Protein backbone atom coordinates (compact mmCIF):
# COMPACT_ATOMS: atom_id res chain seq x y z
CA MET A 1 104.35 75.07 139.83
CA LYS A 2 106.58 74.16 136.84
CA SER A 3 103.60 74.04 134.47
CA MET A 4 102.39 77.43 135.72
CA LEU A 5 105.85 78.91 135.20
CA LEU A 6 106.04 77.38 131.72
CA ALA A 7 102.62 78.80 130.82
CA LEU A 8 103.67 82.25 132.03
CA LEU A 9 106.89 82.03 130.01
CA ILE A 10 104.95 81.09 126.87
CA ILE A 11 102.57 84.02 127.37
CA VAL A 12 105.43 86.48 127.92
CA CYS A 13 107.38 85.21 124.89
CA GLY A 14 104.26 85.31 122.73
CA THR A 15 103.55 88.88 123.82
CA VAL A 16 107.11 89.98 123.08
CA LEU A 17 107.05 88.37 119.63
CA ALA A 18 103.63 89.81 118.83
CA GLN A 19 104.76 93.36 119.63
CA GLY A 20 106.84 93.43 116.43
CA TRP A 21 103.76 93.12 114.21
CA THR A 22 100.16 94.12 114.69
CA PHE A 23 97.27 93.30 112.38
CA SER A 24 95.71 96.51 111.13
CA TYR A 25 94.16 97.90 107.97
CA HIS A 26 96.08 100.62 106.12
CA PRO A 27 94.95 103.11 103.48
CA PHE A 28 96.22 102.65 99.93
CA GLN A 29 96.15 104.27 96.49
CA GLY A 30 94.17 102.66 93.75
CA ARG A 31 91.46 102.72 91.13
CA TYR A 32 88.68 100.37 90.13
CA ALA A 33 86.25 99.77 87.29
CA ILE A 34 82.95 97.90 87.30
CA TYR A 35 82.03 96.43 83.93
CA GLY A 36 80.36 93.59 82.04
CA GLY A 37 81.82 91.50 79.24
CA GLY A 38 85.59 91.14 79.20
CA LEU A 39 88.42 93.58 79.81
CA GLY A 40 89.31 93.51 76.12
CA ASP A 41 85.73 94.32 75.11
CA PRO A 42 83.98 95.84 78.15
CA LEU A 43 80.22 96.37 78.22
CA ALA A 44 77.84 98.04 80.62
CA PRO A 45 77.42 95.80 83.67
CA SER A 46 74.17 93.90 84.12
CA SER A 47 72.64 91.87 86.93
CA LYS A 48 73.91 88.67 85.27
CA ASP A 49 77.30 89.99 84.10
CA LYS A 50 79.14 92.27 86.51
CA ARG A 51 82.86 92.33 87.25
CA ILE A 52 85.25 94.61 89.10
CA ALA A 53 88.90 95.28 88.27
CA PHE A 54 91.25 96.87 90.81
CA TRP A 55 94.48 98.72 90.03
CA ILE A 56 96.59 99.46 93.11
CA ASP A 57 99.63 101.75 93.21
CA GLY A 58 102.29 102.88 95.63
CA LYS A 59 103.53 101.39 98.88
CA VAL A 60 101.03 98.50 99.08
CA ALA A 61 101.76 97.54 95.47
CA LYS A 62 105.49 97.49 96.29
CA GLN A 63 104.84 95.30 99.35
CA MET A 64 102.73 92.91 97.27
CA PHE A 65 105.32 92.82 94.47
CA GLU A 66 108.15 92.04 96.89
CA ALA A 67 106.15 89.30 98.61
CA MET A 68 105.36 87.48 95.35
CA GLY A 69 108.77 86.12 94.50
CA PRO A 70 110.70 85.86 91.28
CA ASP A 71 110.01 87.90 88.17
CA LEU A 72 108.45 86.27 85.14
CA ARG A 73 110.72 86.16 82.11
CA ASN A 74 109.81 86.53 78.45
CA VAL A 75 106.20 87.61 79.08
CA CYS A 76 104.11 90.27 77.44
CA GLY A 77 105.02 93.67 78.88
CA ALA A 78 108.37 92.65 80.40
CA GLU A 79 110.56 95.03 78.42
CA GLY A 80 112.19 98.42 78.90
CA GLY A 81 113.11 97.71 82.50
CA GLN A 82 109.63 96.56 83.51
CA ARG A 83 109.51 93.64 85.92
CA ILE A 84 106.40 91.45 86.23
CA ARG A 85 105.32 89.00 88.90
CA GLN A 86 102.11 87.01 88.71
CA ARG A 87 100.39 84.42 90.88
CA ALA A 88 97.08 83.04 89.62
CA GLN A 89 94.89 86.10 88.88
CA LEU A 90 97.07 88.62 90.76
CA SER A 91 99.60 90.53 88.68
CA CYS A 92 102.12 93.08 89.95
CA SER A 93 104.74 95.02 88.07
CA TYR A 94 107.49 97.55 88.52
CA HIS A 95 108.69 100.07 85.97
CA PRO A 96 111.48 102.55 86.77
CA ARG A 97 109.40 105.44 85.37
CA ASP A 98 105.96 104.51 86.82
CA GLY A 99 106.81 102.63 90.03
CA TYR A 100 104.82 99.68 91.36
CA HIS A 101 101.29 98.63 90.55
CA CYS A 102 99.15 95.52 91.02
CA ASP A 103 95.90 94.50 89.42
CA PHE A 104 93.29 91.85 90.11
CA GLY A 105 89.55 91.47 89.87
CA PHE A 106 86.45 89.60 90.88
CA ASP A 107 83.37 88.36 89.13
CA LEU A 108 80.71 90.06 91.26
CA VAL A 109 78.04 87.52 90.31
CA THR A 110 80.04 84.40 91.28
CA GLY A 111 82.62 85.91 93.64
CA LEU A 112 85.45 84.20 91.73
CA SER A 113 88.83 85.85 91.32
CA ILE A 114 89.60 87.11 87.80
CA GLY A 115 92.40 89.10 86.22
CA GLY A 116 92.39 92.86 86.53
CA SER A 117 94.18 93.72 83.28
CA ILE A 118 95.03 92.39 79.87
CA CYS A 119 98.40 92.44 78.19
């Protein structure tokens, strides 16, 4: 009886806690480019050299920026009020004039994460 009551309590508490957040996909604003070569010298993509860069704006970029933690200091682009946060190949920034944006990319041949912009 006690174990059944405990199990019921755990289920009820779990349900109550889960009601505050639900996994779901949301629409977002963004752009992308498919290319070969590098971002600094892009070429037409080929079957052996194909990458994609994403540039995301708006609410989702703000959420990503805020989740990433402290700003980088003394980095390329961090001037004029611009704030930059970067983790591995994901880069997000905020500028008072332009708002939030994040960029990242993937090598479509290998599936590896790559940067989505250059400084």
